[in-house]
Amino acid sequence: MNLGRRTVVASAAALWFGWPRAFAQTGAAAPKVRNIAVLQIELLDDQNNPLTKAAQEVRLRKALVQLRQELQERQLYRVVDAAPTQALQERLRAQQEFFYRCDDCAAQVGQQLGVDLVMTPWVQKVSELILNFNVQIFDVAAGKVIFSKSVDMRGNEDESWMRAVRYLVRDMAEKRAINPGYGQ
């Protein structure tokens, strides 16, 4: 098989099977999987509806577990436990309303954990029907945000939150298969 055809076959395999298998088949080195700390999901809720508050707290915790797990399972990142920085995070949260608005907060958490990247996720609740799931990735060494992504959700229900996280991670994985630097 000539080199041009081999490249086309390898590219098709990468899209079909995903990068890890394609690299194993072609003998090329797989892209480095960077380590990331995924912080708590914050909620921007101007409505502050007491009837949905308890359910939303549960959704926030479940969505965080799902987000960390899916990022790890798809080998997009090596997810590092952020719990050792809990005291630091609480101190910084007392100074800043939201982590995603504070690049220095992400830098401090990332430096203390010794990770490459810090993900700050948040959900913006416009109404009970319209919500947005957002993530921002801060590169600790570069000292800047390198990635932002938003997914619309329809309905403030368990299933819509799960679908939003699933779609966000799946879309990142599909784009990473085409462009290894996506989200890096």
N, C-alpha and C. Protein backbone atom coordinates (compact mmCIF):
# COMPACT_ATOMS: atom_id res chain seq x y z
N MET A 1 0.86 -1.17 0.00
CA MET A 1 0.00 0.00 0.00
C MET A 1 0.90 1.23 0.00
N ASN A 2 0.61 2.23 -0.83
CA ASN A 2 1.46 3.41 -0.87
C ASN A 2 1.18 4.33 0.32
N LEU A 3 2.08 5.28 0.58
CA LEU A 3 2.01 6.14 1.74
C LEU A 3 0.73 6.98 1.75
N GLY A 4 0.31 7.53 0.61
CA GLY A 4 -0.91 8.34 0.54
C GLY A 4 -2.14 7.55 0.94
N ARG A 5 -2.25 6.34 0.42
CA ARG A 5 -3.40 5.48 0.74
C ARG A 5 -3.35 5.07 2.22
N ARG A 6 -2.16 4.82 2.75
CA ARG A 6 -2.01 4.44 4.15
C ARG A 6 -2.49 5.58 5.06
N THR A 7 -2.18 6.82 4.69
CA THR A 7 -2.62 7.97 5.47
C THR A 7 -4.14 8.08 5.48
N VAL A 8 -4.76 7.87 4.31
CA VAL A 8 -6.21 7.92 4.21
C VAL A 8 -6.83 6.82 5.06
N VAL A 9 -6.29 5.63 4.99
CA VAL A 9 -6.81 4.50 5.77
C VAL A 9 -6.63 4.79 7.27
N ALA A 10 -5.47 5.31 7.66
CA ALA A 10 -5.23 5.63 9.08
C ALA A 10 -6.19 6.71 9.55
N SER A 11 -6.44 7.72 8.71
CA SER A 11 -7.39 8.78 9.08
C SER A 11 -8.79 8.24 9.24
N ALA A 12 -9.20 7.40 8.33
CA ALA A 12 -10.54 6.79 8.42
C ALA A 12 -10.63 5.92 9.67
N ALA A 13 -9.57 5.18 9.96
CA ALA A 13 -9.58 4.34 11.17
C ALA A 13 -9.67 5.20 12.42
N ALA A 14 -8.99 6.35 12.41
CA ALA A 14 -9.06 7.24 13.57
C ALA A 14 -10.47 7.73 13.81
N LEU A 15 -11.17 8.07 12.74
CA LEU A 15 -12.55 8.52 12.88
C LEU A 15 -13.47 7.39 13.27
N TRP A 16 -13.24 6.22 12.73
CA TRP A 16 -14.13 5.09 12.99
C TRP A 16 -13.88 4.45 14.35
N PHE A 17 -12.63 4.15 14.66
CA PHE A 17 -12.30 3.42 15.87
C PHE A 17 -11.85 4.32 17.02
N GLY A 18 -11.51 5.55 16.73
CA GLY A 18 -10.98 6.43 17.76
C GLY A 18 -9.47 6.41 17.73
N TRP A 19 -8.85 7.45 18.28
CA TRP A 19 -7.40 7.62 18.19
C TRP A 19 -6.60 6.47 18.79
N PRO A 20 -6.93 5.96 19.97
CA PRO A 20 -6.04 4.94 20.53
C PRO A 20 -5.83 3.74 19.62
N ARG A 21 -6.89 3.23 19.02
CA ARG A 21 -6.74 2.08 18.12
C ARG A 21 -6.01 2.46 16.84
N ALA A 22 -6.33 3.62 16.31
CA ALA A 22 -5.70 4.04 15.05
C ALA A 22 -4.19 4.18 15.23
N PHE A 23 -3.76 4.75 16.36
CA PHE A 23 -2.33 4.91 16.57
C PHE A 23 -1.66 3.55 16.78
N ALA A 24 -2.35 2.64 17.44
CA ALA A 24 -1.78 1.30 17.65
C ALA A 24 -1.61 0.60 16.31
N GLN A 25 -2.57 0.79 15.39
CA GLN A 25 -2.51 0.13 14.09
C GLN A 25 -1.44 0.72 13.19
N THR A 26 -1.23 2.03 13.27
CA THR A 26 -0.26 2.66 12.38
C THR A 26 1.13 2.74 12.99
N GLY A 27 1.23 2.47 14.29
CA GLY A 27 2.53 2.52 14.95
C GLY A 27 2.93 3.91 15.38
N ALA A 28 2.10 4.93 15.14
CA ALA A 28 2.42 6.29 15.56
C ALA A 28 2.14 6.44 17.05
N ALA A 29 2.80 7.40 17.68
CA ALA A 29 2.61 7.64 19.10
C ALA A 29 1.28 8.36 19.33
N ALA A 30 0.54 7.90 20.32
CA ALA A 30 -0.71 8.56 20.68
C ALA A 30 -0.41 9.89 21.34
N PRO A 31 -1.31 10.89 21.17
CA PRO A 31 -1.08 12.18 21.82
C PRO A 31 -1.05 12.00 23.33
N LYS A 32 -0.25 12.83 23.99
CA LYS A 32 -0.13 12.77 25.45
C LYS A 32 -1.47 13.16 26.08
N VAL A 33 -1.90 12.38 27.03
CA VAL A 33 -3.11 12.68 27.77
C VAL A 33 -2.71 13.56 28.95
N ARG A 34 -3.20 14.78 28.98
CA ARG A 34 -2.83 15.73 30.04
C ARG A 34 -3.69 15.52 31.27
N ASN A 35 -3.14 15.85 32.42
CA ASN A 35 -3.93 15.70 33.64
C ASN A 35 -4.73 16.98 33.90
N ILE A 36 -5.91 16.78 34.48
CA ILE A 36 -6.85 17.88 34.68
C ILE A 36 -7.57 17.70 36.01
N ALA A 37 -7.80 18.81 36.67
CA ALA A 37 -8.65 18.84 37.86
C ALA A 37 -9.98 19.43 37.42
N VAL A 38 -11.06 18.73 37.68
CA VAL A 38 -12.39 19.21 37.33
C VAL A 38 -13.04 19.69 38.62
N LEU A 39 -13.25 20.99 38.72
CA LEU A 39 -13.79 21.58 39.94
C LEU A 39 -15.31 21.40 40.01
N GLN A 40 -15.88 21.77 41.15
CA GLN A 40 -17.32 21.65 41.35
C GLN A 40 -18.07 22.46 40.30
N ILE A 41 -19.22 21.95 39.92
CA ILE A 41 -20.07 22.67 38.96
C ILE A 41 -20.80 23.76 39.73
N GLU A 42 -20.67 24.98 39.24
CA GLU A 42 -21.34 26.10 39.88
C GLU A 42 -22.67 26.36 39.17
N LEU A 43 -23.60 26.94 39.89
CA LEU A 43 -24.93 27.23 39.34
C LEU A 43 -25.18 28.73 39.38
N LEU A 44 -25.46 29.29 38.23
CA LEU A 44 -25.87 30.69 38.12
C LEU A 44 -27.38 30.67 37.96
N ASP A 45 -28.09 31.03 39.01
CA ASP A 45 -29.55 30.91 39.04
C ASP A 45 -30.14 32.18 39.62
N ASP A 46 -30.57 33.08 38.75
CA ASP A 46 -31.17 34.33 39.20
C ASP A 46 -32.56 34.13 39.79
N GLN A 47 -33.20 33.03 39.42
CA GLN A 47 -34.57 32.77 39.88
C GLN A 47 -34.60 32.28 41.32
N ASN A 48 -33.61 31.47 41.70
CA ASN A 48 -33.49 30.95 43.06
C ASN A 48 -34.82 30.35 43.55
N ASN A 49 -35.39 29.48 42.75
CA ASN A 49 -36.67 28.84 43.07
C ASN A 49 -36.47 27.82 44.18
N PRO A 50 -37.06 28.03 45.35
CA PRO A 50 -36.87 27.09 46.47
C PRO A 50 -37.44 25.70 46.18
N LEU A 51 -38.40 25.61 45.27
CA LEU A 51 -39.01 24.32 44.95
C LEU A 51 -38.06 23.40 44.18
N THR A 52 -37.09 23.97 43.45
CA THR A 52 -36.16 23.16 42.65
C THR A 52 -34.75 23.10 43.23
N LYS A 53 -34.51 23.85 44.29
CA LYS A 53 -33.15 23.98 44.85
C LYS A 53 -32.55 22.63 45.27
N ALA A 54 -33.28 21.83 46.01
CA ALA A 54 -32.75 20.54 46.50
C ALA A 54 -32.45 19.60 45.33
N ALA A 55 -33.35 19.54 44.36
CA ALA A 55 -33.14 18.66 43.20
C ALA A 55 -31.94 19.13 42.38
N GLN A 56 -31.76 20.43 42.26
CA GLN A 56 -30.62 20.96 41.50
C GLN A 56 -29.30 20.64 42.18
N GLU A 57 -29.27 20.67 43.50
CA GLU A 57 -28.04 20.32 44.22
C GLU A 57 -27.64 18.88 43.93
N VAL A 58 -28.63 18.00 43.88
CA VAL A 58 -28.37 16.59 43.55
C VAL A 58 -27.88 16.49 42.11
N ARG A 59 -28.52 17.22 41.19
CA ARG A 59 -28.11 17.20 39.77
C ARG A 59 -26.68 17.71 39.61
N LEU A 60 -26.33 18.75 40.34
CA LEU A 60 -24.96 19.28 40.26
C LEU A 60 -23.94 18.22 40.67
N ARG A 61 -24.20 17.52 41.77
CA ARG A 61 -23.27 16.48 42.23
C ARG A 61 -23.20 15.33 41.23
N LYS A 62 -24.35 14.88 40.73
CA LYS A 62 -24.37 13.77 39.77
C LYS A 62 -23.69 14.16 38.46
N ALA A 63 -23.94 15.37 38.00
CA ALA A 63 -23.33 15.83 36.74
C ALA A 63 -21.81 15.91 36.88
N LEU A 64 -21.33 16.32 38.05
CA LEU A 64 -19.88 16.39 38.27
C LEU A 64 -19.25 15.00 38.22
N VAL A 65 -19.87 14.04 38.88
CA VAL A 65 -19.37 12.67 38.85
C VAL A 65 -19.37 12.15 37.42
N GLN A 66 -20.46 12.38 36.69
CA GLN A 66 -20.57 11.93 35.31
C GLN A 66 -19.52 12.60 34.43
N LEU A 67 -19.33 13.91 34.58
CA LEU A 67 -18.35 14.65 33.77
C LEU A 67 -16.95 14.10 33.98
N ARG A 68 -16.56 13.94 35.23
CA ARG A 68 -15.22 13.41 35.52
C ARG A 68 -15.05 12.00 34.96
N GLN A 69 -16.06 11.19 35.16
CA GLN A 69 -15.99 9.79 34.71
C GLN A 69 -15.91 9.71 33.18
N GLU A 70 -16.73 10.45 32.47
CA GLU A 70 -16.72 10.37 31.01
C GLU A 70 -15.44 10.94 30.40
N LEU A 71 -14.90 12.01 30.97
CA LEU A 71 -13.62 12.55 30.49
C LEU A 71 -12.52 11.51 30.64
N GLN A 72 -12.54 10.80 31.77
CA GLN A 72 -11.54 9.77 32.04
C GLN A 72 -11.74 8.56 31.12
N GLU A 73 -12.98 8.09 31.00
CA GLU A 73 -13.27 6.90 30.20
C GLU A 73 -12.93 7.10 28.73
N ARG A 74 -13.17 8.29 28.22
CA ARG A 74 -12.86 8.57 26.81
C ARG A 74 -11.40 8.94 26.61
N GLN A 75 -10.65 8.92 27.68
CA GLN A 75 -9.22 9.21 27.67
C GLN A 75 -8.90 10.58 27.08
N LEU A 76 -9.80 11.54 27.32
CA LEU A 76 -9.53 12.91 26.89
C LEU A 76 -8.51 13.55 27.83
N TYR A 77 -8.62 13.20 29.12
CA TYR A 77 -7.73 13.73 30.14
C TYR A 77 -7.53 12.64 31.20
N ARG A 78 -6.50 12.82 32.00
CA ARG A 78 -6.31 12.00 33.19
C ARG A 78 -6.85 12.87 34.34
N VAL A 79 -8.01 12.50 34.84
CA VAL A 79 -8.71 13.32 35.84
C VAL A 79 -8.08 13.10 37.22
N VAL A 80 -7.67 14.20 37.83
CA VAL A 80 -7.03 14.20 39.14
C VAL A 80 -8.04 14.68 40.17
N ASP A 81 -8.07 14.03 41.31
CA ASP A 81 -8.98 14.39 42.39
C ASP A 81 -8.64 15.78 42.91
N ALA A 82 -9.62 16.67 42.93
CA ALA A 82 -9.40 18.04 43.40
C ALA A 82 -9.66 18.20 44.89
N ALA A 83 -10.08 17.12 45.57
CA ALA A 83 -10.41 17.18 47.00
C ALA A 83 -9.28 17.71 47.88
N PRO A 84 -8.00 17.39 47.59
CA PRO A 84 -6.94 17.91 48.46
C PRO A 84 -6.87 19.44 48.51
N THR A 85 -7.50 20.12 47.56
CA THR A 85 -7.49 21.58 47.55
C THR A 85 -8.81 22.16 48.04
N GLN A 86 -9.62 21.37 48.71
CA GLN A 86 -10.95 21.82 49.15
C GLN A 86 -10.86 23.08 50.01
N ALA A 87 -9.93 23.12 50.97
CA ALA A 87 -9.81 24.30 51.83
C ALA A 87 -9.44 25.54 51.01
N LEU A 88 -8.51 25.38 50.08
CA LEU A 88 -8.14 26.48 49.19
C LEU A 88 -9.33 26.93 48.35
N GLN A 89 -10.05 25.97 47.79
CA GLN A 89 -11.22 26.32 46.97
C GLN A 89 -12.26 27.10 47.78
N GLU A 90 -12.50 26.65 49.00
CA GLU A 90 -13.48 27.34 49.85
C GLU A 90 -13.04 28.76 50.18
N ARG A 91 -11.73 28.93 50.46
CA ARG A 91 -11.21 30.27 50.74
C ARG A 91 -11.34 31.17 49.51
N LEU A 92 -11.01 30.64 48.34
CA LEU A 92 -11.12 31.42 47.11
C LEU A 92 -12.58 31.72 46.76
N ARG A 93 -13.47 30.79 47.02
CA ARG A 93 -14.91 31.01 46.74
C ARG A 93 -15.48 32.11 47.65
N ALA A 94 -14.93 32.25 48.84
CA ALA A 94 -15.37 33.31 49.74
C ALA A 94 -14.97 34.68 49.19
N GLN A 95 -13.94 34.71 48.35
CA GLN A 95 -13.45 35.97 47.77
C GLN A 95 -14.06 36.24 46.39
N GLN A 96 -14.42 35.18 45.67
CA GLN A 96 -14.95 35.29 44.30
C GLN A 96 -16.32 34.64 44.24
N GLU A 97 -17.23 35.26 43.55
CA GLU A 97 -18.56 34.66 43.45
C GLU A 97 -18.52 33.37 42.63
N PHE A 98 -17.78 33.39 41.51
CA PHE A 98 -17.71 32.21 40.65
C PHE A 98 -16.27 31.95 40.22
N PHE A 99 -15.89 30.68 40.24
CA PHE A 99 -14.54 30.27 39.85
C PHE A 99 -14.25 30.57 38.38
N TYR A 100 -15.22 30.37 37.51
CA TYR A 100 -14.95 30.55 36.09
C TYR A 100 -14.59 32.00 35.75
N ARG A 101 -14.89 32.92 36.63
CA ARG A 101 -14.55 34.32 36.42
C ARG A 101 -13.18 34.68 37.01
N CYS A 102 -12.52 33.70 37.62
CA CYS A 102 -11.28 33.96 38.36
C CYS A 102 -10.16 33.06 37.84
N ASP A 103 -9.40 33.55 36.87
CA ASP A 103 -8.29 32.76 36.33
C ASP A 103 -7.25 32.47 37.40
N ASP A 104 -7.01 33.43 38.29
CA ASP A 104 -6.02 33.22 39.34
C ASP A 104 -6.45 32.10 40.29
N CYS A 105 -7.75 31.94 40.50
CA CYS A 105 -8.25 30.85 41.35
C CYS A 105 -7.90 29.50 40.74
N ALA A 106 -8.16 29.35 39.44
CA ALA A 106 -7.82 28.11 38.74
C ALA A 106 -6.32 27.86 38.79
N ALA A 107 -5.54 28.93 38.62
CA ALA A 107 -4.07 28.79 38.66
C ALA A 107 -3.61 28.31 40.03
N GLN A 108 -4.16 28.87 41.10
CA GLN A 108 -3.75 28.47 42.45
C GLN A 108 -4.10 27.01 42.73
N VAL A 109 -5.31 26.60 42.34
CA VAL A 109 -5.73 25.20 42.54
C VAL A 109 -4.84 24.28 41.72
N GLY A 110 -4.62 24.64 40.46
CA GLY A 110 -3.79 23.82 39.59
C GLY A 110 -2.36 23.68 40.09
N GLN A 111 -1.79 24.77 40.58
CA GLN A 111 -0.42 24.73 41.10
C GLN A 111 -0.34 23.86 42.35
N GLN A 112 -1.32 23.99 43.22
CA GLN A 112 -1.30 23.18 44.45
C GLN A 112 -1.44 21.70 44.13
N LEU A 113 -2.24 21.36 43.12
CA LEU A 113 -2.42 19.96 42.74
C LEU A 113 -1.31 19.44 41.83
N GLY A 114 -0.58 20.34 41.18
CA GLY A 114 0.46 19.93 40.24
C GLY A 114 -0.12 19.37 38.95
N VAL A 115 -1.24 19.93 38.48
CA VAL A 115 -1.88 19.46 37.25
C VAL A 115 -1.58 20.42 36.09
N ASP A 116 -1.79 19.90 34.88
CA ASP A 116 -1.60 20.71 33.68
C ASP A 116 -2.77 21.69 33.49
N LEU A 117 -3.98 21.18 33.71
CA LEU A 117 -5.19 21.91 33.37
C LEU A 117 -6.18 21.91 34.54
N VAL A 118 -7.02 22.95 34.57
CA VAL A 118 -8.11 23.01 35.54
C VAL A 118 -9.39 23.34 34.77
N MET A 119 -10.41 22.50 34.96
CA MET A 119 -11.70 22.74 34.32
C MET A 119 -12.67 23.34 35.34
N THR A 120 -13.25 24.46 34.97
CA THR A 120 -14.29 25.07 35.79
C THR A 120 -15.61 24.95 35.04
N PRO A 121 -16.50 24.09 35.51
CA PRO A 121 -17.82 23.94 34.88
C PRO A 121 -18.88 24.77 35.61
N TRP A 122 -19.86 25.25 34.87
CA TRP A 122 -20.97 25.96 35.50
C TRP A 122 -22.22 25.79 34.63
N VAL A 123 -23.35 25.90 35.30
CA VAL A 123 -24.65 25.83 34.63
C VAL A 123 -25.32 27.18 34.82
N GLN A 124 -25.74 27.76 33.71
CA GLN A 124 -26.49 29.01 33.76
C GLN A 124 -27.95 28.66 33.56
N LYS A 125 -28.75 28.97 34.57
CA LYS A 125 -30.18 28.67 34.51
C LYS A 125 -30.91 29.95 34.13
N VAL A 126 -31.41 29.98 32.89
CA VAL A 126 -32.18 31.12 32.42
C VAL A 126 -33.62 31.00 32.92
N SER A 127 -34.15 29.78 32.86
CA SER A 127 -35.50 29.48 33.35
C SER A 127 -35.56 27.98 33.62
N GLU A 128 -36.70 27.49 34.01
CA GLU A 128 -36.86 26.05 34.22
C GLU A 128 -36.77 25.29 32.90
N LEU A 129 -36.94 25.98 31.80
CA LEU A 129 -36.88 25.34 30.48
C LEU A 129 -35.53 25.52 29.79
N ILE A 130 -34.87 26.65 30.02
CA ILE A 130 -33.65 26.98 29.29
C ILE A 130 -32.46 27.06 30.25
N LEU A 131 -31.48 26.16 30.03
CA LEU A 131 -30.26 26.13 30.83
C LEU A 131 -29.08 25.92 29.89
N ASN A 132 -27.90 26.33 30.32
CA ASN A 132 -26.68 26.13 29.55
C ASN A 132 -25.64 25.47 30.44
N PHE A 133 -25.03 24.40 29.93
CA PHE A 133 -23.93 23.73 30.64
C PHE A 133 -22.65 24.22 30.00
N ASN A 134 -21.76 24.80 30.78
CA ASN A 134 -20.54 25.42 30.27
C ASN A 134 -19.31 24.82 30.94
N VAL A 135 -18.22 24.77 30.19
CA VAL A 135 -16.93 24.41 30.77
C VAL A 135 -15.88 25.37 30.22
N GLN A 136 -14.89 25.60 31.05
CA GLN A 136 -13.75 26.42 30.67
C GLN A 136 -12.51 25.70 31.18
N ILE A 137 -11.48 25.60 30.35
CA ILE A 137 -10.25 24.92 30.76
C ILE A 137 -9.12 25.94 30.81
N PHE A 138 -8.47 25.96 31.97
CA PHE A 138 -7.36 26.87 32.23
C PHE A 138 -6.06 26.08 32.18
N ASP A 139 -5.10 26.53 31.38
CA ASP A 139 -3.78 25.91 31.30
C ASP A 139 -2.90 26.55 32.37
N VAL A 140 -2.49 25.76 33.34
CA VAL A 140 -1.75 26.28 34.49
C VAL A 140 -0.40 26.85 34.06
N ALA A 141 0.35 26.14 33.22
CA ALA A 141 1.68 26.61 32.80
C ALA A 141 1.58 27.86 31.93
N ALA A 142 0.59 27.89 31.04
CA ALA A 142 0.43 29.04 30.14
C ALA A 142 -0.20 30.23 30.86
N GLY A 143 -0.92 29.96 31.95
CA GLY A 143 -1.55 31.04 32.71
C GLY A 143 -2.74 31.66 32.02
N LYS A 144 -3.47 30.84 31.24
CA LYS A 144 -4.62 31.41 30.53
C LYS A 144 -5.66 30.33 30.21
N VAL A 145 -6.86 30.80 29.91
CA VAL A 145 -7.94 29.91 29.47
C VAL A 145 -7.62 29.49 28.04
N ILE A 146 -7.67 28.18 27.79
CA ILE A 146 -7.35 27.68 26.45
C ILE A 146 -8.55 27.05 25.76
N PHE A 147 -9.67 26.89 26.49
CA PHE A 147 -10.81 26.19 25.91
C PHE A 147 -12.08 26.59 26.64
N SER A 148 -13.12 26.85 25.87
CA SER A 148 -14.46 27.11 26.42
C SER A 148 -15.47 26.41 25.55
N LYS A 149 -16.49 25.87 26.18
CA LYS A 149 -17.53 25.15 25.44
C LYS A 149 -18.84 25.30 26.19
N SER A 150 -19.93 25.38 25.45
CA SER A 150 -21.25 25.51 26.04
C SER A 150 -22.22 24.59 25.32
N VAL A 151 -23.11 23.98 26.10
CA VAL A 151 -24.14 23.10 25.56
C VAL A 151 -25.48 23.55 26.11
N ASP A 152 -26.45 23.74 25.24
CA ASP A 152 -27.80 24.13 25.69
C ASP A 152 -28.54 22.92 26.23
N MET A 153 -29.32 23.17 27.28
CA MET A 153 -30.18 22.12 27.84
C MET A 153 -31.62 22.63 27.77
N ARG A 154 -32.52 21.74 27.53
CA ARG A 154 -33.94 22.08 27.54
C ARG A 154 -34.62 21.28 28.64
N GLY A 155 -35.03 21.99 29.67
CA GLY A 155 -35.70 21.35 30.80
C GLY A 155 -34.75 21.12 31.95
N ASN A 156 -35.20 21.43 33.13
CA ASN A 156 -34.41 21.28 34.34
C ASN A 156 -34.77 19.94 34.98
N GLU A 157 -34.35 18.87 34.32
CA GLU A 157 -34.66 17.52 34.76
C GLU A 157 -33.38 16.68 34.76
N ASP A 158 -33.40 15.59 35.50
CA ASP A 158 -32.22 14.72 35.57
C ASP A 158 -31.73 14.30 34.19
N GLU A 159 -32.65 13.87 33.33
CA GLU A 159 -32.27 13.37 32.01
C GLU A 159 -31.63 14.46 31.14
N SER A 160 -32.15 15.68 31.20
CA SER A 160 -31.57 16.75 30.37
C SER A 160 -30.15 17.09 30.85
N TRP A 161 -29.90 17.04 32.15
CA TRP A 161 -28.55 17.29 32.66
C TRP A 161 -27.61 16.18 32.21
N MET A 162 -28.05 14.93 32.32
CA MET A 162 -27.20 13.80 31.90
C MET A 162 -26.90 13.87 30.41
N ARG A 163 -27.91 14.19 29.60
CA ARG A 163 -27.70 14.31 28.16
C ARG A 163 -26.72 15.42 27.82
N ALA A 164 -26.80 16.54 28.53
CA ALA A 164 -25.91 17.67 28.26
C ALA A 164 -24.45 17.27 28.52
N VAL A 165 -24.20 16.61 29.63
CA VAL A 165 -22.83 16.19 29.94
C VAL A 165 -22.36 15.17 28.92
N ARG A 166 -23.21 14.20 28.62
CA ARG A 166 -22.86 13.15 27.65
C ARG A 166 -22.53 13.76 26.29
N TYR A 167 -23.36 14.70 25.83
CA TYR A 167 -23.12 15.33 24.53
C TYR A 167 -21.83 16.15 24.55
N LEU A 168 -21.62 16.92 25.61
CA LEU A 168 -20.43 17.75 25.69
C LEU A 168 -19.16 16.92 25.57
N VAL A 169 -19.09 15.83 26.32
CA VAL A 169 -17.88 14.99 26.31
C VAL A 169 -17.77 14.24 24.99
N ARG A 170 -18.88 13.72 24.47
CA ARG A 170 -18.83 13.01 23.19
C ARG A 170 -18.37 13.95 22.07
N ASP A 171 -18.89 15.17 22.06
CA ASP A 171 -18.49 16.14 21.04
C ASP A 171 -17.01 16.48 21.16
N MET A 172 -16.53 16.62 22.37
CA MET A 172 -15.09 16.89 22.57
C MET A 172 -14.26 15.72 22.05
N ALA A 173 -14.70 14.49 22.33
CA ALA A 173 -13.96 13.31 21.88
C ALA A 173 -13.95 13.21 20.36
N GLU A 174 -15.09 13.49 19.74
CA GLU A 174 -15.16 13.43 18.27
C GLU A 174 -14.26 14.48 17.64
N LYS A 175 -14.25 15.68 18.20
CA LYS A 175 -13.39 16.73 17.65
C LYS A 175 -11.92 16.46 17.93
N ARG A 176 -11.62 15.83 19.07
CA ARG A 176 -10.24 15.46 19.38
C ARG A 176 -9.75 14.39 18.41
N ALA A 177 -10.64 13.51 17.96
CA ALA A 177 -10.25 12.47 17.01
C ALA A 177 -9.79 13.08 15.69
N ILE A 178 -10.37 14.19 15.34
CA ILE A 178 -10.01 14.90 14.10
C ILE A 178 -8.81 15.82 14.33
N ASN A 179 -8.80 16.48 15.47
CA ASN A 179 -7.74 17.43 15.81
C ASN A 179 -7.19 17.09 17.20
N PRO A 180 -6.06 16.40 17.29
CA PRO A 180 -5.52 15.98 18.60
C PRO A 180 -5.27 17.10 19.59
N GLY A 181 -5.17 18.34 19.13
CA GLY A 181 -4.95 19.46 20.04
C GLY A 181 -6.23 20.07 20.58
N TYR A 182 -7.38 19.56 20.16
CA TYR A 182 -8.66 20.13 20.59
C TYR A 182 -8.84 19.97 22.10
N GLY A 183 -9.06 21.09 22.79
CA GLY A 183 -9.26 21.06 24.23
C GLY A 183 -8.00 20.84 25.02
N GLN A 184 -6.85 20.98 24.36
CA GLN A 184 -5.58 20.75 25.02
C GLN A 184 -4.92 22.08 25.30
